[in-house]
C-alpha atoms as a PDB file:
ATOM      1  CA  MET A   1     121.007-151.777  73.450  1.00  0.00           C
ATOM      2  CA  VAL A   2     124.101-151.566  71.037  1.00  0.00           C
ATOM      3  CA  GLN A   3     127.497-151.200  72.314  1.00  0.00           C
ATOM      4  CA  ASN A   4     130.531-149.853  70.598  1.00  0.00           C
ATOM      5  CA  GLU A   5     134.024-151.940  70.234  1.00  0.00           C
ATOM      6  CA  HIS A   6     134.909-150.778  73.528  1.00  0.00           C
ATOM      7  CA  GLY A   7     131.714-152.173  75.295  1.00  0.00           C
ATOM      8  CA  LYS A   8     130.333-148.714  75.898  1.00  0.00           C
ATOM      9  CA  VAL A   9     126.710-147.410  75.432  1.00  0.00           C
ATOM     10  CA  LEU A  10     125.011-144.064  75.144  1.00  0.00           C
ATOM     11  CA  ASP A  11     124.121-143.285  78.770  1.00  0.00           C
ATOM     12  CA  VAL A  12     122.379-140.324  80.712  1.00  0.00           C
ATOM     13  CA  HIS A  13     125.148-139.520  83.009  1.00  0.00           C
ATOM     14  CA  GLY A  14     124.613-140.594  86.609  1.00  0.00           C
ATOM     15  CA  GLY A  15     121.373-141.853  85.581  1.00  0.00           C
ATOM     16  CA  VAL A  16     119.604-138.629  86.346  1.00  0.00           C
ATOM     17  CA  ASP A  17     116.701-137.559  84.446  1.00  0.00           C
ATOM     18  CA  THR A  18     116.846-133.821  84.332  1.00  0.00           C
ATOM     19  CA  GLU A  19     116.839-131.039  81.779  1.00  0.00           C
ATOM     20  CA  TYR A  20     120.251-130.541  79.983  1.00  0.00           C
ATOM     21  CA  ARG A  21     121.924-133.665  81.684  1.00  0.00           C
ATOM     22  CA  ASN A  22     124.939-134.765  79.756  1.00  0.00           C
ATOM     23  CA  VAL A  23     124.949-138.084  77.528  1.00  0.00           C
ATOM     24  CA  TRP A  24     128.121-139.930  77.464  1.00  0.00           C
ATOM     25  CA  MET A  25     129.570-143.219  76.574  1.00  0.00           C
ATOM     26  CA  TYR A  26     129.648-145.581  79.640  1.00  0.00           C
ATOM     27  CA  GLY A  27     129.846-149.351  80.291  1.00  0.00           C
ATOM     28  CA  ILE A  28     126.652-151.441  80.260  1.00  0.00           C
ATOM     29  CA  ASN A  29     124.440-151.566  83.329  1.00  0.00           C
ATOM     30  CA  ARG A  30     121.238-151.900  81.431  1.00  0.00           C
ATOM     31  CA  SER A  31     119.621-149.098  83.488  1.00  0.00           C
ATOM     32  CA  PRO A  32     116.804-146.932  81.755  1.00  0.00           C
ATOM     33  CA  ALA A  33     119.700-144.067  81.446  1.00  0.00           C
ATOM     34  CA  GLN A  34     121.051-146.545  78.593  1.00  0.00           C
ATOM     35  CA  ARG A  35     117.734-147.390  76.791  1.00  0.00           C
ATOM     36  CA  TRP A  36     116.803-145.439  73.792  1.00  0.00           C
ATOM     37  CA  ALA A  37     114.112-145.445  71.266  1.00  0.00           C
ATOM     38  CA  ILE A  38     114.338-144.511  67.781  1.00  0.00           C
ATOM     39  CA  ARG A  39     111.414-142.602  66.330  1.00  0.00           C
ATOM     40  CA  TYR A  40     111.566-141.857  62.718  1.00  0.00           C
ATOM     41  CA  ILE A  41     110.015-138.418  61.948  1.00  0.00           C
ATOM     42  CA  ASP A  42     108.520-139.132  58.556  1.00  0.00           C
ATOM     43  CA  GLU A  43     107.696-142.960  57.836  1.00  0.00           C
ATOM     44  CA  TYR A  44     106.788-142.157  54.301  1.00  0.00           C
ATOM     45  CA  ARG A  45     109.825-141.237  52.302  1.00  0.00           C
ATOM     46  CA  ASP A  46     111.249-141.847  49.065  1.00  0.00           C
ATOM     47  CA  PRO A  47     112.268-145.586  48.879  1.00  0.00           C
ATOM     48  CA  GLU A  48     115.894-144.831  48.204  1.00  0.00           C
ATOM     49  CA  ASP A  49     116.197-142.426  51.299  1.00  0.00           C
ATOM     50  CA  GLY A  50     114.040-144.868  53.649  1.00  0.00           C
ATOM     51  CA  GLU A  51     115.943-148.176  52.822  1.00  0.00           C
ATOM     52  CA  MET A  52     117.584-149.795  55.872  1.00  0.00           C
ATOM     53  CA  GLY A  53     121.167-149.637  55.906  1.00  0.00           C
ATOM     54  CA  THR A  54     121.996-153.263  55.982  1.00  0.00           C
ATOM     55  CA  GLY A  55     124.186-154.157  59.030  1.00  0.00           C
ATOM     56  CA  TRP A  56     123.759-150.866  60.624  1.00  0.00           C
ATOM     57  CA  GLY A  57     120.003-150.892  61.877  1.00  0.00           C
ATOM     58  CA  PHE A  58     119.256-147.240  60.619  1.00  0.00           C
ATOM     59  CA  LYS A  59     117.185-146.118  57.715  1.00  0.00           C
ATOM     60  CA  VAL A  60     119.306-144.195  55.379  1.00  0.00           C
ATOM     61  CA  ASN A  61     119.133-140.437  55.219  1.00  0.00           C
ATOM     62  CA  THR A  62     115.802-140.398  57.111  1.00  0.00           C
ATOM     63  CA  ASP A  63     115.382-137.965  60.111  1.00  0.00           C
ATOM     64  CA  PHE A  64     114.810-139.531  63.646  1.00  0.00           C
ATOM     65  CA  TYR A  65     114.628-138.635  67.233  1.00  0.00           C
ATOM     66  CA  LEU A  66     116.538-140.579  70.149  1.00  0.00           C
ATOM     67  CA  ILE A  67     114.344-140.637  73.020  1.00  0.00           C
ATOM     68  CA  SER A  68     115.588-141.629  76.462  1.00  0.00           C
ATOM     69  CA  ALA A  69     113.877-144.689  78.282  1.00  0.00           C
ATOM     70  CA  MET A  70     113.899-142.694  81.575  1.00  0.00           C
ATOM     71  CA  GLY A  71     110.772-141.286  83.081  1.00  0.00           C
ATOM     72  CA  GLY A  72     110.877-137.779  81.336  1.00  0.00           C
ATOM     73  CA  ARG A  73     111.248-139.400  77.905  1.00  0.00           C
ATOM     74  CA  ARG A  74     113.520-136.692  76.902  1.00  0.00           C
ATOM     75  CA  TYR A  75     115.282-136.344  73.300  1.00  0.00           C
ATOM     76  CA  LEU A  76     119.026-136.306  72.774  1.00  0.00           C
ATOM     77  CA  ASP A  77     119.927-132.673  71.737  1.00  0.00           C
ATOM     78  CA  LEU A  78     122.798-130.524  70.949  1.00  0.00           C
ATOM     79  CA  VAL A  79     123.946-127.684  73.187  1.00  0.00           C
ATOM     80  CA  GLY A  80     126.954-126.182  71.454  1.00  0.00           C
ATOM     81  CA  ASN A  81     128.516-129.484  70.557  1.00  0.00           C
ATOM     82  CA  ALA A  82     127.705-131.358  73.707  1.00  0.00           C
ATOM     83  CA  SER A  83     124.897-134.155  73.591  1.00  0.00           C
ATOM     84  CA  VAL A  84     122.446-133.719  76.414  1.00  0.00           C
ATOM     85  CA  VAL A  85     118.627-134.776  77.225  1.00  0.00           C
ATOM     86  CA  LYS A  86     116.054-132.271  76.861  1.00  0.00           C
ATOM     87  CA  VAL A  87     112.364-132.117  76.630  1.00  0.00           C
ATOM     88  CA  PRO A  88     111.029-132.589  72.986  1.00  0.00           C
ATOM     89  CA  ASN A  89     110.890-129.065  71.236  1.00  0.00           C
ATOM     90  CA  GLY A  90     110.764-129.791  67.532  1.00  0.00           C
ATOM     91  CA  ARG A  91     114.128-128.165  66.761  1.00  0.00           C
ATOM     92  CA  THR A  92     116.685-129.411  64.293  1.00  0.00           C
ATOM     93  CA  SER A  93     119.042-129.702  67.130  1.00  0.00           C
ATOM     94  CA  GLN A  94     116.983-133.148  68.176  1.00  0.00           C
ATOM     95  CA  LYS A  95     116.887-134.423  64.662  1.00  0.00           C
ATOM     96  CA  TRP A  96     119.330-137.212  63.616  1.00  0.00           C
ATOM     97  CA  PHE A  97     119.740-139.016  60.517  1.00  0.00           C
ATOM     98  CA  PHE A  98     122.259-141.886  59.346  1.00  0.00           C
ATOM     99  CA  ASP A  99     124.624-141.098  56.471  1.00  0.00           C
ATOM    100  CA  TRP A 100     125.371-144.212  54.621  1.00  0.00           C
ATOM    101  CA  LYS A 101     128.364-143.081  52.902  1.00  0.00           C
ATOM    102  CA  THR A 102     130.362-142.065  55.960  1.00  0.00           C
ATOM    103  CA  LYS A 103     128.401-144.571  58.280  1.00  0.00           C
ATOM    104  CA  THR A 104     128.022-141.769  60.768  1.00  0.00           C
ATOM    105  CA  ILE A 105     124.870-140.203  62.957  1.00  0.00           C
ATOM    106  CA  ARG A 106     124.547-136.737  62.053  1.00  0.00           C
ATOM    107  CA  SER A 107     122.459-133.741  63.336  1.00  0.00           C
ATOM    108  CA  ARG A 108     120.333-131.991  61.128  1.00  0.00           C
ATOM    109  CA  ARG A 109     121.564-128.875  62.820  1.00  0.00           C
ATOM    110  CA  THR A 110     124.876-129.425  61.818  1.00  0.00           C
ATOM    111  CA  VAL A 111     124.916-131.974  58.840  1.00  0.00           C
ATOM    112  CA  SER A 112     128.802-131.475  58.154  1.00  0.00           C
ATOM    113  CA  TYR A 113     129.533-133.043  61.638  1.00  0.00           C
ATOM    114  CA  ALA A 114     128.882-136.400  63.089  1.00  0.00           C
ATOM    115  CA  LEU A 115     128.019-137.850  66.609  1.00  0.00           C
ATOM    116  CA  GLN A 116     131.435-138.683  68.132  1.00  0.00           C
ATOM    117  CA  ILE A 117     133.133-140.062  71.319  1.00  0.00           C
ATOM    118  CA  VAL A 118     135.569-137.659  73.147  1.00  0.00           C
ATOM    119  CA  SER A 119     137.449-138.620  76.320  1.00  0.00           C
ATOM    120  CA  ASN A 120     136.767-136.647  79.375  1.00  0.00           C
ATOM    121  CA  GLY A 121     139.308-138.229  81.899  1.00  0.00           C
ATOM    122  CA  GLY A 122     136.878-140.530  83.732  1.00  0.00           C
ATOM    123  CA  GLY A 123     134.524-141.214  81.100  1.00  0.00           C
ATOM    124  CA  GLN A 124     133.714-140.419  77.351  1.00  0.00           C
ATOM    125  CA  ASP A 125     131.445-137.644  76.480  1.00  0.00           C
ATOM    126  CA  MET A 126     129.249-137.448  73.013  1.00  0.00           C
ATOM    127  CA  VAL A 127     129.743-134.619  70.955  1.00  0.00           C
ATOM    128  CA  VAL A 128     129.167-133.577  67.465  1.00  0.00           C
ATOM    129  CA  ALA A 129     132.207-132.601  65.502  1.00  0.00           C
ATOM    130  CA  GLY A 130     134.202-132.977  62.205  1.00  0.00           C
ATOM    131  CA  VAL A 131     134.086-136.189  61.014  1.00  0.00           C
ATOM    132  CA  ASN A 132     136.588-138.858  62.457  1.00  0.00           C
ATOM    133  CA  SER A 133     137.100-142.671  62.916  1.00  0.00           C
ATOM    134  CA  ASN A 134     135.930-142.429  66.485  1.00  0.00           C
ATOM    135  CA  TRP A 135     132.233-141.644  65.864  1.00  0.00           C
ATOM    136  CA  TRP A 136     130.933-144.611  67.429  1.00  0.00           C
END
């Protein structure tokens, strides 16, 4: 479990394992709602694209899924620019990659945008939007 500089981690809101449930940033409680697996889509890539991003823990420019450890094993997905969990569907909205140049996690659906944190008053939601310094 990797936390950001504010002590927050990716969390399925309320620990509820349902379709289209929002994913946001929340304080660590070590529940299954905060555990994620990274599954690379293609382990056999050109070495330049598949190199590990030293200090970041991601393979560079290699597609992956973020899979919740909750019972439904739902994937991080995009609906509009909101991050939610959904059953695997093979769409580009569930495919992510690490961009070494900007040090951001980007969606294959909208490659000019990066995963970011936005404040919603009580917590922090994850959205995909134009790159800024608050991506993680």
